[in-house]
Amino acid sequence: MQFKGFTQSDFDTFLIEGLDERMAAIQERIQPKFKEIGTNLTADLSALLGNEMFLHIAKHARRKVNPPNDTWMAIAGNKRGYKQHPHFQIGLFDDHVFIWLAFIYELPQKSDIAKTFLENIDIIEKNVPNNYVISLDHMKKDAVSLEEIDLKESLKRFRDVKKAEFLIGRHIAANDPILQDGTRFYELAKETFETLIPLYKLSFK
């Protein structure tokens, strides 16, 4: 595998002024890395789940003025898109990498998934380590550890609020040495996705 990890230059991309300039840097610095690691992780997830998964790399096509504050790749069971489906994600803000299982507001069956999670909350608590983090809005940087968050209330919000989301996984600080080691980061990402597979499967019940 050619993926060599992420560098400070990748994170500095989000300090570049201007939409065209920042997008050019995302396409040049980050997207080739997403393709390298994403191709392998997509094959891994296809094997682990027993059905074909597809890699999507964010194009930020809707942006006309403001440059993106983050960028990501997604792996979903649908070839045409990922936003309306549960999906796995890896992406960068200027100060961290995120590794998510993501359920975002475009999901048509969002409230049904939330109800299933609430009814089976013990599966989340049993399978997911306390140091994993949860975000209720993919546009924001902040996330709260499973240990500190009120999981039941978060899932109720995900169920009841139209724009509420539920993302669960890991944050890796930009200065963490693991990010500069392509093999170690790949193994960490794969392990994170494996940990979250029971939750992914539960969302389809």
N, C-alpha and C. Protein backbone atom coordinates (compact mmCIF):
# COMPACT_ATOMS: atom_id res chain seq x y z
N MET A 1 0.85 -1.20 0.00
CA MET A 1 0.00 0.00 0.00
C MET A 1 0.88 1.25 0.00
N GLN A 2 0.54 2.22 -0.83
CA GLN A 2 1.37 3.40 -0.99
C GLN A 2 1.10 4.49 0.04
N PHE A 3 -0.02 4.42 0.73
CA PHE A 3 -0.39 5.50 1.67
C PHE A 3 0.70 5.70 2.72
N LYS A 4 1.20 6.92 2.79
CA LYS A 4 2.32 7.22 3.69
C LYS A 4 1.90 7.99 4.95
N GLY A 5 0.61 8.29 5.06
CA GLY A 5 0.15 9.04 6.22
C GLY A 5 -0.15 10.49 5.88
N PHE A 6 -0.60 11.23 6.89
CA PHE A 6 -0.91 12.65 6.72
C PHE A 6 0.20 13.50 7.32
N THR A 7 0.46 14.66 6.73
CA THR A 7 1.53 15.56 7.19
C THR A 7 0.94 16.91 7.58
N GLN A 8 1.78 17.75 8.18
CA GLN A 8 1.32 19.09 8.57
C GLN A 8 0.85 19.88 7.36
N SER A 9 1.45 19.64 6.23
CA SER A 9 1.05 20.32 4.99
C SER A 9 -0.42 20.05 4.66
N ASP A 10 -0.88 18.82 4.93
CA ASP A 10 -2.29 18.49 4.69
C ASP A 10 -3.21 19.34 5.56
N PHE A 11 -2.85 19.49 6.83
CA PHE A 11 -3.67 20.28 7.75
C PHE A 11 -3.60 21.78 7.42
N ASP A 12 -2.43 22.23 6.94
CA ASP A 12 -2.25 23.63 6.57
C ASP A 12 -3.10 24.02 5.36
N THR A 13 -3.59 23.03 4.63
CA THR A 13 -4.48 23.28 3.49
C THR A 13 -5.65 24.18 3.90
N PHE A 14 -6.13 24.00 5.14
CA PHE A 14 -7.33 24.72 5.58
C PHE A 14 -7.04 26.14 6.06
N LEU A 15 -5.78 26.55 5.94
CA LEU A 15 -5.39 27.93 6.23
C LEU A 15 -5.28 28.75 4.95
N ILE A 16 -5.37 28.08 3.79
CA ILE A 16 -5.25 28.76 2.50
C ILE A 16 -6.51 29.57 2.22
N GLU A 17 -6.31 30.85 1.88
CA GLU A 17 -7.44 31.73 1.57
C GLU A 17 -7.95 31.46 0.16
N GLY A 18 -9.26 31.62 -0.02
CA GLY A 18 -9.85 31.53 -1.35
C GLY A 18 -10.34 30.13 -1.69
N LEU A 19 -11.52 30.06 -2.28
CA LEU A 19 -12.13 28.76 -2.63
C LEU A 19 -11.29 27.99 -3.65
N ASP A 20 -10.93 28.65 -4.73
CA ASP A 20 -10.19 27.96 -5.80
C ASP A 20 -8.83 27.48 -5.31
N GLU A 21 -8.15 28.35 -4.55
CA GLU A 21 -6.82 28.01 -4.06
C GLU A 21 -6.86 26.84 -3.07
N ARG A 22 -7.83 26.88 -2.16
CA ARG A 22 -7.93 25.79 -1.17
C ARG A 22 -8.36 24.49 -1.84
N MET A 23 -9.29 24.58 -2.77
CA MET A 23 -9.73 23.37 -3.48
C MET A 23 -8.59 22.75 -4.27
N ALA A 24 -7.76 23.59 -4.87
CA ALA A 24 -6.62 23.07 -5.63
C ALA A 24 -5.68 22.30 -4.70
N ALA A 25 -5.47 22.83 -3.48
CA ALA A 25 -4.60 22.16 -2.51
C ALA A 25 -5.23 20.86 -2.01
N ILE A 26 -6.54 20.85 -1.78
CA ILE A 26 -7.24 19.62 -1.36
C ILE A 26 -7.08 18.54 -2.43
N GLN A 27 -7.27 18.95 -3.69
CA GLN A 27 -7.17 17.99 -4.80
C GLN A 27 -5.75 17.46 -4.98
N GLU A 28 -4.78 18.31 -4.72
CA GLU A 28 -3.39 17.94 -4.95
C GLU A 28 -2.79 17.17 -3.77
N ARG A 29 -3.09 17.63 -2.54
CA ARG A 29 -2.44 17.06 -1.35
C ARG A 29 -3.21 15.91 -0.72
N ILE A 30 -4.52 16.07 -0.60
CA ILE A 30 -5.30 15.18 0.26
C ILE A 30 -6.05 14.11 -0.52
N GLN A 31 -6.69 14.48 -1.62
CA GLN A 31 -7.53 13.51 -2.33
C GLN A 31 -6.76 12.28 -2.83
N PRO A 32 -5.49 12.43 -3.30
CA PRO A 32 -4.76 11.21 -3.69
C PRO A 32 -4.55 10.26 -2.51
N LYS A 33 -4.39 10.82 -1.31
CA LYS A 33 -4.23 9.98 -0.11
C LYS A 33 -5.54 9.27 0.22
N PHE A 34 -6.66 9.98 0.07
CA PHE A 34 -7.96 9.35 0.28
C PHE A 34 -8.14 8.17 -0.69
N LYS A 35 -7.71 8.37 -1.93
CA LYS A 35 -7.86 7.29 -2.93
C LYS A 35 -7.02 6.08 -2.53
N GLU A 36 -5.79 6.33 -2.07
CA GLU A 36 -4.89 5.24 -1.68
C GLU A 36 -5.45 4.44 -0.51
N ILE A 37 -5.75 5.14 0.58
CA ILE A 37 -6.22 4.42 1.78
C ILE A 37 -7.67 3.96 1.59
N GLY A 38 -8.47 4.76 0.88
CA GLY A 38 -9.88 4.44 0.70
C GLY A 38 -10.12 3.20 -0.12
N THR A 39 -9.30 3.00 -1.15
CA THR A 39 -9.45 1.82 -2.00
C THR A 39 -9.26 0.54 -1.19
N ASN A 40 -8.25 0.55 -0.32
CA ASN A 40 -7.98 -0.63 0.52
C ASN A 40 -9.05 -0.83 1.58
N LEU A 41 -9.48 0.25 2.22
CA LEU A 41 -10.49 0.13 3.26
C LEU A 41 -11.85 -0.27 2.67
N THR A 42 -12.13 0.17 1.46
CA THR A 42 -13.38 -0.22 0.80
C THR A 42 -13.39 -1.73 0.54
N ALA A 43 -12.25 -2.26 0.11
CA ALA A 43 -12.14 -3.71 -0.11
C ALA A 43 -12.29 -4.46 1.22
N ASP A 44 -11.67 -3.93 2.28
CA ASP A 44 -11.79 -4.55 3.61
C ASP A 44 -13.24 -4.60 4.07
N LEU A 45 -13.93 -3.46 3.95
CA LEU A 45 -15.31 -3.40 4.41
C LEU A 45 -16.22 -4.29 3.57
N SER A 46 -15.96 -4.36 2.28
CA SER A 46 -16.75 -5.25 1.41
C SER A 46 -16.63 -6.69 1.89
N ALA A 47 -15.41 -7.10 2.25
CA ALA A 47 -15.17 -8.47 2.72
C ALA A 47 -15.82 -8.69 4.09
N LEU A 48 -15.66 -7.72 4.98
CA LEU A 48 -16.19 -7.86 6.35
C LEU A 48 -17.72 -7.89 6.36
N LEU A 49 -18.34 -7.11 5.47
CA LEU A 49 -19.80 -7.00 5.46
C LEU A 49 -20.46 -8.00 4.52
N GLY A 50 -19.67 -8.57 3.61
CA GLY A 50 -20.24 -9.55 2.68
C GLY A 50 -21.06 -8.94 1.58
N ASN A 51 -20.91 -7.65 1.35
CA ASN A 51 -21.54 -7.02 0.20
C ASN A 51 -20.67 -5.86 -0.30
N GLU A 52 -20.83 -5.53 -1.56
CA GLU A 52 -19.93 -4.55 -2.18
C GLU A 52 -20.14 -3.16 -1.60
N MET A 53 -19.02 -2.51 -1.27
CA MET A 53 -19.03 -1.14 -0.77
C MET A 53 -18.32 -0.25 -1.80
N PHE A 54 -18.60 1.06 -1.73
CA PHE A 54 -18.10 1.97 -2.76
C PHE A 54 -17.48 3.20 -2.12
N LEU A 55 -16.37 3.64 -2.71
CA LEU A 55 -15.63 4.80 -2.21
C LEU A 55 -16.15 6.07 -2.87
N HIS A 56 -16.38 7.10 -2.04
CA HIS A 56 -16.79 8.42 -2.53
C HIS A 56 -15.83 9.45 -1.92
N ILE A 57 -15.28 10.31 -2.73
CA ILE A 57 -14.39 11.37 -2.23
C ILE A 57 -15.11 12.70 -2.42
N ALA A 58 -15.23 13.46 -1.33
CA ALA A 58 -16.00 14.72 -1.36
C ALA A 58 -15.47 15.66 -2.44
N LYS A 59 -16.40 16.18 -3.24
CA LYS A 59 -16.02 17.10 -4.32
C LYS A 59 -16.26 18.57 -3.94
N HIS A 60 -17.09 18.81 -2.91
CA HIS A 60 -17.43 20.17 -2.47
C HIS A 60 -18.01 20.99 -3.64
N ALA A 61 -18.78 20.32 -4.48
CA ALA A 61 -19.27 20.94 -5.73
C ALA A 61 -20.27 22.07 -5.48
N ARG A 62 -20.96 22.04 -4.35
CA ARG A 62 -21.97 23.06 -4.08
C ARG A 62 -21.37 24.40 -3.65
N ARG A 63 -20.11 24.38 -3.29
CA ARG A 63 -19.46 25.60 -2.79
C ARG A 63 -19.14 26.55 -3.93
N LYS A 64 -19.59 27.79 -3.76
CA LYS A 64 -19.36 28.80 -4.79
C LYS A 64 -18.50 29.96 -4.28
N VAL A 65 -18.46 30.17 -2.95
CA VAL A 65 -17.73 31.31 -2.39
C VAL A 65 -16.79 30.88 -1.26
N ASN A 66 -17.37 30.28 -0.21
CA ASN A 66 -16.58 29.96 0.99
C ASN A 66 -15.82 28.65 0.82
N PRO A 67 -14.52 28.65 1.08
CA PRO A 67 -13.76 27.39 0.98
C PRO A 67 -14.14 26.42 2.10
N PRO A 68 -14.05 25.11 1.87
CA PRO A 68 -14.43 24.13 2.91
C PRO A 68 -13.48 24.16 4.10
N ASN A 69 -14.03 23.97 5.29
CA ASN A 69 -13.23 23.91 6.52
C ASN A 69 -12.71 22.50 6.80
N ASP A 70 -13.25 21.52 6.06
CA ASP A 70 -12.80 20.14 6.21
C ASP A 70 -13.02 19.42 4.89
N THR A 71 -12.47 18.24 4.78
CA THR A 71 -12.70 17.42 3.59
C THR A 71 -12.68 15.96 4.01
N TRP A 72 -13.26 15.07 3.21
CA TRP A 72 -13.44 13.69 3.66
C TRP A 72 -13.61 12.74 2.50
N MET A 73 -13.48 11.48 2.81
CA MET A 73 -13.88 10.37 1.94
C MET A 73 -14.94 9.57 2.69
N ALA A 74 -15.83 8.95 1.93
CA ALA A 74 -16.90 8.14 2.54
C ALA A 74 -16.95 6.79 1.83
N ILE A 75 -17.32 5.77 2.60
CA ILE A 75 -17.50 4.43 2.05
C ILE A 75 -18.92 3.99 2.38
N ALA A 76 -19.68 3.70 1.34
CA ALA A 76 -21.10 3.37 1.52
C ALA A 76 -21.48 2.20 0.63
N GLY A 77 -22.63 1.61 0.92
CA GLY A 77 -23.11 0.47 0.16
C GLY A 77 -23.85 0.86 -1.11
N ASN A 78 -23.78 2.14 -1.48
CA ASN A 78 -24.47 2.63 -2.67
C ASN A 78 -23.45 3.26 -3.61
N LYS A 79 -23.50 2.91 -4.87
CA LYS A 79 -22.51 3.38 -5.84
C LYS A 79 -22.72 4.85 -6.20
N ARG A 80 -23.96 5.30 -6.16
CA ARG A 80 -24.29 6.64 -6.66
C ARG A 80 -24.08 7.74 -5.63
N GLY A 81 -24.16 7.40 -4.36
CA GLY A 81 -24.01 8.42 -3.33
C GLY A 81 -23.94 7.82 -1.95
N TYR A 82 -23.68 8.67 -0.96
CA TYR A 82 -23.51 8.18 0.41
C TYR A 82 -24.32 8.94 1.45
N LYS A 83 -24.74 10.17 1.15
CA LYS A 83 -25.35 11.02 2.18
C LYS A 83 -26.68 10.48 2.68
N GLN A 84 -27.39 9.77 1.83
CA GLN A 84 -28.69 9.22 2.23
C GLN A 84 -28.58 7.79 2.77
N HIS A 85 -27.36 7.40 3.09
CA HIS A 85 -27.11 6.04 3.59
C HIS A 85 -26.15 6.09 4.77
N PRO A 86 -26.25 5.13 5.69
CA PRO A 86 -25.19 5.01 6.70
C PRO A 86 -23.86 4.81 5.99
N HIS A 87 -22.82 5.48 6.45
CA HIS A 87 -21.54 5.36 5.76
C HIS A 87 -20.36 5.55 6.72
N PHE A 88 -19.23 5.02 6.31
CA PHE A 88 -17.98 5.17 7.04
C PHE A 88 -17.22 6.35 6.43
N GLN A 89 -16.51 7.08 7.28
CA GLN A 89 -15.87 8.31 6.83
C GLN A 89 -14.47 8.46 7.42
N ILE A 90 -13.56 9.03 6.64
CA ILE A 90 -12.28 9.54 7.16
C ILE A 90 -12.12 10.93 6.58
N GLY A 91 -11.72 11.88 7.42
CA GLY A 91 -11.56 13.24 6.93
C GLY A 91 -10.68 14.08 7.83
N LEU A 92 -10.42 15.30 7.39
CA LEU A 92 -9.53 16.22 8.10
C LEU A 92 -10.18 17.57 8.30
N PHE A 93 -10.03 18.12 9.52
CA PHE A 93 -10.14 19.54 9.79
C PHE A 93 -8.70 20.06 9.90
N ASP A 94 -8.51 21.31 10.29
CA ASP A 94 -7.15 21.84 10.37
C ASP A 94 -6.37 21.34 11.57
N ASP A 95 -7.06 20.69 12.52
CA ASP A 95 -6.37 20.28 13.75
C ASP A 95 -6.56 18.81 14.12
N HIS A 96 -7.31 18.06 13.33
CA HIS A 96 -7.48 16.63 13.63
C HIS A 96 -7.99 15.86 12.41
N VAL A 97 -7.81 14.54 12.50
CA VAL A 97 -8.42 13.60 11.56
C VAL A 97 -9.61 12.96 12.26
N PHE A 98 -10.71 12.77 11.55
CA PHE A 98 -11.85 12.06 12.12
C PHE A 98 -12.06 10.74 11.38
N ILE A 99 -12.47 9.73 12.14
CA ILE A 99 -12.81 8.41 11.60
C ILE A 99 -14.22 8.11 12.13
N TRP A 100 -15.19 8.15 11.26
CA TRP A 100 -16.59 8.06 11.71
C TRP A 100 -17.36 6.89 11.07
N LEU A 101 -18.35 6.43 11.81
CA LEU A 101 -19.55 5.83 11.22
C LEU A 101 -20.58 6.93 11.28
N ALA A 102 -21.09 7.35 10.13
CA ALA A 102 -21.89 8.57 10.06
C ALA A 102 -23.33 8.31 9.63
N PHE A 103 -24.23 8.96 10.39
CA PHE A 103 -25.66 8.98 10.05
C PHE A 103 -26.03 10.45 10.01
N ILE A 104 -26.12 11.02 8.79
CA ILE A 104 -26.32 12.46 8.70
C ILE A 104 -27.76 12.80 8.32
N TYR A 105 -28.09 14.09 8.36
CA TYR A 105 -29.51 14.49 8.32
C TYR A 105 -30.21 14.13 7.02
N GLU A 106 -29.45 13.88 5.93
CA GLU A 106 -30.10 13.51 4.66
C GLU A 106 -30.71 12.11 4.67
N LEU A 107 -30.39 11.31 5.69
CA LEU A 107 -30.94 9.95 5.77
C LEU A 107 -32.46 9.96 5.80
N PRO A 108 -33.14 9.36 4.83
CA PRO A 108 -34.60 9.38 4.86
C PRO A 108 -35.21 8.61 6.04
N GLN A 109 -34.51 7.56 6.50
CA GLN A 109 -35.05 6.73 7.59
C GLN A 109 -34.37 7.03 8.93
N LYS A 110 -33.94 8.29 9.09
CA LYS A 110 -33.20 8.72 10.27
C LYS A 110 -33.90 8.40 11.59
N SER A 111 -35.18 8.73 11.68
CA SER A 111 -35.89 8.52 12.95
C SER A 111 -36.05 7.04 13.26
N ASP A 112 -36.22 6.21 12.23
CA ASP A 112 -36.34 4.76 12.46
C ASP A 112 -35.02 4.18 12.98
N ILE A 113 -33.90 4.66 12.42
CA ILE A 113 -32.59 4.20 12.88
C ILE A 113 -32.38 4.62 14.33
N ALA A 114 -32.76 5.85 14.65
CA ALA A 114 -32.62 6.34 16.03
C ALA A 114 -33.44 5.49 17.00
N LYS A 115 -34.65 5.13 16.60
CA LYS A 115 -35.51 4.29 17.46
C LYS A 115 -34.85 2.93 17.68
N THR A 116 -34.31 2.34 16.61
CA THR A 116 -33.62 1.05 16.73
C THR A 116 -32.44 1.16 17.69
N PHE A 117 -31.66 2.24 17.57
CA PHE A 117 -30.51 2.42 18.46
C PHE A 117 -30.96 2.60 19.91
N LEU A 118 -32.03 3.33 20.11
CA LEU A 118 -32.54 3.53 21.49
C LEU A 118 -33.01 2.20 22.08
N GLU A 119 -33.65 1.38 21.26
CA GLU A 119 -34.14 0.08 21.73
C GLU A 119 -33.00 -0.90 21.99
N ASN A 120 -31.85 -0.67 21.35
CA ASN A 120 -30.71 -1.57 21.48
C ASN A 120 -29.47 -0.83 21.98
N ILE A 121 -29.69 0.12 22.89
CA ILE A 121 -28.60 0.99 23.34
C ILE A 121 -27.46 0.18 23.99
N ASP A 122 -27.82 -0.98 24.54
CA ASP A 122 -26.80 -1.83 25.16
C ASP A 122 -25.78 -2.35 24.14
N ILE A 123 -26.20 -2.50 22.88
CA ILE A 123 -25.27 -2.97 21.84
C ILE A 123 -24.19 -1.91 21.60
N ILE A 124 -24.59 -0.64 21.62
CA ILE A 124 -23.61 0.44 21.47
C ILE A 124 -22.68 0.44 22.68
N GLU A 125 -23.27 0.41 23.86
CA GLU A 125 -22.46 0.49 25.10
C GLU A 125 -21.51 -0.70 25.25
N LYS A 126 -21.94 -1.85 24.75
CA LYS A 126 -21.14 -3.07 24.89
C LYS A 126 -20.01 -3.13 23.85
N ASN A 127 -20.27 -2.64 22.63
CA ASN A 127 -19.32 -2.80 21.53
C ASN A 127 -18.36 -1.63 21.34
N VAL A 128 -18.77 -0.45 21.78
CA VAL A 128 -17.98 0.75 21.47
C VAL A 128 -17.20 1.21 22.71
N PRO A 129 -15.87 1.34 22.61
CA PRO A 129 -15.06 1.78 23.76
C PRO A 129 -15.44 3.19 24.23
N ASN A 130 -15.24 3.44 25.52
CA ASN A 130 -15.60 4.73 26.14
C ASN A 130 -14.83 5.91 25.58
N ASN A 131 -13.64 5.64 25.00
CA ASN A 131 -12.85 6.77 24.49
C ASN A 131 -13.22 7.15 23.06
N TYR A 132 -14.14 6.42 22.44
CA TYR A 132 -14.68 6.85 21.15
C TYR A 132 -15.51 8.11 21.38
N VAL A 133 -15.63 8.92 20.32
CA VAL A 133 -16.35 10.19 20.47
C VAL A 133 -17.60 10.21 19.60
N ILE A 134 -18.51 11.12 19.97
CA ILE A 134 -19.77 11.28 19.25
C ILE A 134 -19.93 12.74 18.86
N SER A 135 -20.40 12.95 17.64
CA SER A 135 -20.75 14.29 17.16
C SER A 135 -22.20 14.27 16.73
N LEU A 136 -22.89 15.38 16.97
CA LEU A 136 -24.29 15.49 16.56
C LEU A 136 -24.44 16.45 15.38
N ASP A 137 -23.29 16.89 14.82
CA ASP A 137 -23.31 17.82 13.69
C ASP A 137 -21.98 17.71 12.95
N HIS A 138 -22.01 17.15 11.73
CA HIS A 138 -20.76 16.90 11.01
C HIS A 138 -20.06 18.19 10.55
N MET A 139 -20.77 19.32 10.62
CA MET A 139 -20.17 20.60 10.22
C MET A 139 -19.28 21.18 11.31
N LYS A 140 -19.45 20.69 12.54
CA LYS A 140 -18.70 21.24 13.67
C LYS A 140 -17.53 20.34 14.05
N LYS A 141 -16.48 20.96 14.55
CA LYS A 141 -15.27 20.22 14.93
C LYS A 141 -15.45 19.40 16.20
N ASP A 142 -16.22 19.92 17.13
CA ASP A 142 -16.22 19.34 18.47
C ASP A 142 -16.97 18.01 18.52
N ALA A 143 -16.53 17.17 19.45
CA ALA A 143 -17.17 15.89 19.70
C ALA A 143 -16.97 15.57 21.18
N VAL A 144 -17.82 14.69 21.70
CA VAL A 144 -17.79 14.35 23.14
C VAL A 144 -17.58 12.85 23.26
N SER A 145 -16.75 12.45 24.23
CA SER A 145 -16.48 11.02 24.41
C SER A 145 -17.73 10.29 24.86
N LEU A 146 -17.80 9.03 24.49
CA LEU A 146 -18.93 8.18 24.88
C LEU A 146 -19.08 8.14 26.40
N GLU A 147 -17.95 8.23 27.08
CA GLU A 147 -17.94 8.20 28.53
C GLU A 147 -18.65 9.42 29.13
N GLU A 148 -18.55 10.56 28.44
CA GLU A 148 -19.07 11.82 28.99
C GLU A 148 -20.44 12.21 28.47
N ILE A 149 -20.81 11.71 27.32
CA ILE A 149 -22.06 12.15 26.70
C ILE A 149 -23.25 11.40 27.28
N ASP A 150 -24.42 12.03 27.24
CA ASP A 150 -25.67 11.34 27.58
C ASP A 150 -26.16 10.68 26.28
N LEU A 151 -25.84 9.40 26.14
CA LEU A 151 -26.11 8.70 24.88
C LEU A 151 -27.59 8.66 24.56
N LYS A 152 -28.41 8.39 25.57
CA LYS A 152 -29.85 8.29 25.34
C LYS A 152 -30.42 9.63 24.84
N GLU A 153 -30.01 10.73 25.47
CA GLU A 153 -30.50 12.04 25.06
C GLU A 153 -30.00 12.41 23.65
N SER A 154 -28.78 12.02 23.35
CA SER A 154 -28.22 12.29 22.01
C SER A 154 -29.02 11.56 20.94
N LEU A 155 -29.39 10.31 21.23
CA LEU A 155 -30.17 9.53 20.26
C LEU A 155 -31.60 10.06 20.13
N LYS A 156 -32.15 10.57 21.23
CA LYS A 156 -33.50 11.17 21.17
C LYS A 156 -33.46 12.43 20.29
N ARG A 157 -32.39 13.21 20.45
CA ARG A 157 -32.24 14.41 19.61
C ARG A 157 -32.09 14.00 18.14
N PHE A 158 -31.30 12.99 17.88
CA PHE A 158 -31.11 12.46 16.52
C PHE A 158 -32.47 12.03 15.94
N ARG A 159 -33.31 11.45 16.77
CA ARG A 159 -34.64 10.99 16.34
C ARG A 159 -35.59 12.16 16.06
N ASP A 160 -35.55 13.17 16.93
CA ASP A 160 -36.62 14.18 16.94
C ASP A 160 -36.30 15.48 16.19
N VAL A 161 -35.03 15.79 16.05
CA VAL A 161 -34.65 17.07 15.42
C VAL A 161 -34.23 16.82 13.97
N LYS A 162 -34.90 17.51 13.06
CA LYS A 162 -34.71 17.23 11.63
C LYS A 162 -33.24 17.31 11.20
N LYS A 163 -32.52 18.30 11.68
CA LYS A 163 -31.13 18.52 11.24
C LYS A 163 -30.12 17.79 12.13
N ALA A 164 -30.58 17.12 13.17
CA ALA A 164 -29.64 16.44 14.07
C ALA A 164 -29.02 15.23 13.39
N GLU A 165 -27.79 14.95 13.78
CA GLU A 165 -27.05 13.84 13.18
C GLU A 165 -26.44 12.98 14.29
N PHE A 166 -25.86 11.86 13.88
CA PHE A 166 -25.20 10.98 14.85
C PHE A 166 -23.98 10.38 14.17
N LEU A 167 -22.80 10.82 14.62
CA LEU A 167 -21.54 10.32 14.11
C LEU A 167 -20.74 9.76 15.28
N ILE A 168 -20.20 8.57 15.11
CA ILE A 168 -19.50 7.91 16.21
C ILE A 168 -18.18 7.33 15.69
N GLY A 169 -17.12 7.55 16.45
CA GLY A 169 -15.81 7.05 16.02
C GLY A 169 -14.67 7.65 16.80
N ARG A 170 -13.64 8.09 16.08
CA ARG A 170 -12.42 8.57 16.74
C ARG A 170 -11.97 9.91 16.16
N HIS A 171 -11.34 10.72 17.01
CA HIS A 171 -10.60 11.91 16.60
C HIS A 171 -9.13 11.66 16.87
N ILE A 172 -8.27 11.99 15.90
CA ILE A 172 -6.82 11.87 16.08
C ILE A 172 -6.22 13.26 15.88
N ALA A 173 -5.56 13.79 16.91
CA ALA A 173 -4.99 15.14 16.83
C ALA A 173 -3.94 15.22 15.73
N ALA A 174 -3.84 16.39 15.10
CA ALA A 174 -2.94 16.58 13.96
C ALA A 174 -1.49 16.25 14.30
N ASN A 175 -1.11 16.44 15.56
CA ASN A 175 0.29 16.19 15.95
C ASN A 175 0.54 14.77 16.47
N ASP A 176 -0.45 13.90 16.37
CA ASP A 176 -0.26 12.51 16.81
C ASP A 176 0.64 11.79 15.81
N PRO A 177 1.75 11.19 16.28
CA PRO A 177 2.70 10.53 15.37
C PRO A 177 2.08 9.43 14.51
N ILE A 178 0.99 8.84 14.96
CA ILE A 178 0.38 7.74 14.20
C ILE A 178 -0.07 8.20 12.80
N LEU A 179 -0.39 9.49 12.68
CA LEU A 179 -0.86 10.01 11.39
C LEU A 179 0.23 10.02 10.34
N GLN A 180 1.48 10.07 10.78
CA GLN A 180 2.60 10.12 9.83
C GLN A 180 3.10 8.73 9.43
N ASP A 181 2.48 7.72 10.01
CA ASP A 181 2.84 6.33 9.70
C ASP A 181 1.65 5.70 8.96
N GLY A 182 1.77 5.59 7.64
CA GLY A 182 0.65 5.13 6.84
C GLY A 182 0.10 3.78 7.26
N THR A 183 0.98 2.84 7.58
CA THR A 183 0.54 1.49 7.95
C THR A 183 -0.20 1.51 9.28
N ARG A 184 0.37 2.21 10.26
CA ARG A 184 -0.27 2.26 11.58
C ARG A 184 -1.63 2.95 11.52
N PHE A 185 -1.71 4.05 10.76
CA PHE A 185 -3.00 4.74 10.65
C PHE A 185 -4.02 3.86 9.94
N TYR A 186 -3.59 3.20 8.89
CA TYR A 186 -4.50 2.30 8.16
C TYR A 186 -5.06 1.23 9.10
N GLU A 187 -4.19 0.64 9.91
CA GLU A 187 -4.64 -0.40 10.85
C GLU A 187 -5.62 0.17 11.87
N LEU A 188 -5.34 1.39 12.34
CA LEU A 188 -6.23 2.05 13.30
C LEU A 188 -7.60 2.30 12.67
N ALA A 189 -7.61 2.79 11.43
CA ALA A 189 -8.88 3.07 10.75
C ALA A 189 -9.67 1.78 10.54
N LYS A 190 -8.97 0.73 10.11
CA LYS A 190 -9.64 -0.56 9.89
C LYS A 190 -10.22 -1.10 11.19
N GLU A 191 -9.44 -1.01 12.25
CA GLU A 191 -9.90 -1.49 13.56
C GLU A 191 -11.12 -0.69 14.03
N THR A 192 -11.11 0.62 13.79
CA THR A 192 -12.24 1.47 14.18
C THR A 192 -13.50 1.06 13.42
N PHE A 193 -13.37 0.86 12.13
CA PHE A 193 -14.53 0.45 11.32
C PHE A 193 -15.04 -0.93 11.76
N GLU A 194 -14.13 -1.84 12.06
CA GLU A 194 -14.53 -3.17 12.52
C GLU A 194 -15.33 -3.07 13.83
N THR A 195 -14.88 -2.21 14.72
CA THR A 195 -15.57 -2.00 16.00
C THR A 195 -16.99 -1.49 15.78
N LEU A 196 -17.17 -0.68 14.74
CA LEU A 196 -18.46 -0.02 14.51
C LEU A 196 -19.39 -0.82 13.60
N ILE A 197 -18.91 -1.92 13.04
CA ILE A 197 -19.75 -2.72 12.14
C ILE A 197 -21.05 -3.22 12.80
N PRO A 198 -21.03 -3.69 14.07
CA PRO A 198 -22.30 -4.10 14.66
C PRO A 198 -23.35 -2.98 14.66
N LEU A 199 -22.90 -1.75 14.85
CA LEU A 199 -23.81 -0.60 14.84
C LEU A 199 -24.30 -0.31 13.41
N TYR A 200 -23.41 -0.44 12.45
CA TYR A 200 -23.77 -0.26 11.05
C TYR A 200 -24.84 -1.29 10.66
N LYS A 201 -24.61 -2.54 11.02
CA LYS A 201 -25.58 -3.60 10.70
C LYS A 201 -26.92 -3.36 11.39
N LEU A 202 -26.85 -2.91 12.64
CA LEU A 202 -28.07 -2.65 13.41
C LEU A 202 -28.93 -1.59 12.74
N SER A 203 -28.29 -0.64 12.06
CA SER A 203 -29.05 0.47 11.44
C SER A 203 -29.94 0.00 10.30
N PHE A 204 -29.70 -1.20 9.79
CA PHE A 204 -30.51 -1.73 8.68
C PHE A 204 -31.65 -2.61 9.17
N LYS A 205 -31.75 -2.82 10.48
CA LYS A 205 -32.80 -3.70 10.98
C LYS A 205 -34.11 -2.95 11.17
